[in-house]
Amino acid sequence: MNAPTKDQIVKLRETYQSAFNIKSIRQAQEECAELIHSSYGAWRKWEDGDRHMHPGLWELATLKVSNTITASNPEATLERLARRKEPA
């Protein structure tokens, strides 16, 4: 597994930000960093491309963001899964 690109990191934060209707980029960055026990400054540097995120942290971040979104809205998750299984 390779380190994520800055665009992938931004997209993950934007997904989180949108799911929780967070207006402030900084707040979303702080919360994403907190999910993986990191600092806001580190997250910002990953998004800016000034620092590379370790692939293990990237894997953790994607899992935690996904799980946090799912846990906040289990009904929507079940609906999404049901639509996936419907024949085309």
Protein backbone atom coordinates (compact mmCIF):
# COMPACT_ATOMS: atom_id res chain seq x y z
CA MET A 1 0.00 0.00 0.00
CA ASN A 2 1.31 3.42 -0.94
CA ALA A 3 0.99 6.70 0.90
CA PRO A 4 -2.13 8.63 -0.11
CA THR A 5 -1.96 11.72 -2.27
CA LYS A 6 -2.91 15.06 -0.82
CA ASP A 7 -6.02 15.00 -3.03
CA GLN A 8 -7.11 11.70 -1.49
CA ILE A 9 -6.67 13.13 2.00
CA VAL A 10 -8.66 16.25 1.13
CA LYS A 11 -11.43 14.09 -0.39
CA LEU A 12 -11.63 11.98 2.78
CA ARG A 13 -11.92 15.11 4.93
CA GLU A 14 -14.54 16.58 2.58
CA THR A 15 -16.55 13.35 2.82
CA TYR A 16 -16.46 13.58 6.61
CA GLN A 17 -17.23 17.29 6.52
CA SER A 18 -20.22 16.78 4.24
CA ALA A 19 -21.59 13.82 6.21
CA PHE A 20 -21.69 15.87 9.40
CA ASN A 21 -22.56 19.20 7.75
CA ILE A 22 -19.45 20.90 9.15
CA LYS A 23 -19.02 24.40 7.76
CA SER A 24 -15.44 24.99 8.88
CA ILE A 25 -12.59 23.25 7.08
CA ARG A 26 -10.44 23.66 10.18
CA GLN A 27 -13.04 21.99 12.40
CA ALA A 28 -13.30 19.04 10.00
CA GLN A 29 -9.50 18.76 9.86
CA GLU A 30 -9.30 18.82 13.66
CA GLU A 31 -11.95 16.11 13.97
CA CYS A 32 -10.36 13.90 11.31
CA ALA A 33 -6.98 14.26 13.03
CA GLU A 34 -8.56 13.39 16.37
CA LEU A 35 -10.08 10.21 14.90
CA ILE A 36 -6.57 8.89 14.23
CA HIS A 37 -4.95 10.34 17.36
CA SER A 38 -3.00 12.93 15.40
CA SER A 39 -2.74 16.72 15.49
CA TYR A 40 -4.52 19.34 13.43
CA GLY A 41 -1.13 20.59 12.23
CA ALA A 42 -0.14 17.17 10.92
CA TRP A 43 -3.47 16.77 9.11
CA ARG A 44 -3.14 20.21 7.55
CA LYS A 45 0.38 19.39 6.35
CA TRP A 46 -0.87 16.12 4.82
CA GLU A 47 -3.59 18.03 2.97
CA ASP A 48 -1.12 20.68 1.82
CA GLY A 49 1.30 18.03 0.58
CA ASP A 50 4.03 19.25 2.96
CA ARG A 51 4.16 15.87 4.69
CA HIS A 52 3.37 12.30 3.61
CA MET A 53 0.84 10.30 5.58
CA HIS A 54 2.02 6.81 6.50
CA PRO A 55 -0.01 4.15 4.65
CA GLY A 56 -1.04 2.60 7.98
CA LEU A 57 -2.46 5.92 9.18
CA TRP A 58 -4.26 6.31 5.86
CA GLU A 59 -5.86 2.91 6.28
CA LEU A 60 -6.88 3.82 9.83
CA ALA A 61 -8.26 7.19 8.71
CA THR A 62 -10.40 5.70 5.95
CA LEU A 63 -11.76 3.02 8.27
CA LYS A 64 -12.49 5.43 11.11
CA VAL A 65 -14.17 8.02 8.89
CA SER A 66 -16.28 5.34 7.25
CA ASN A 67 -17.22 3.76 10.59
CA THR A 68 -18.01 7.13 12.16
CA ILE A 69 -20.31 8.08 9.29
CA THR A 70 -21.99 4.66 9.35
CA ALA A 71 -22.49 4.72 13.11
CA SER A 72 -24.07 8.16 12.94
CA ASN A 73 -26.73 7.05 10.44
CA PRO A 74 -27.28 3.27 10.41
CA GLU A 75 -30.62 3.51 8.53
CA ALA A 76 -29.03 5.30 5.59
CA THR A 77 -26.25 2.73 5.55
CA LEU A 78 -28.75 -0.14 5.40
CA GLU A 79 -30.64 1.60 2.59
CA ARG A 80 -27.39 2.08 0.65
CA LEU A 81 -26.49 -1.58 1.09
CA ALA A 82 -29.95 -2.67 -0.03
CA ARG A 83 -29.68 -0.57 -3.20
CA ARG A 84 -26.33 -2.20 -4.00
CA LYS A 85 -27.92 -5.63 -3.91
CA GLU A 86 -30.87 -4.72 -6.17
CA PRO A 87 -30.62 -6.15 -9.68
CA ALA A 88 -29.85 -3.62 -12.39
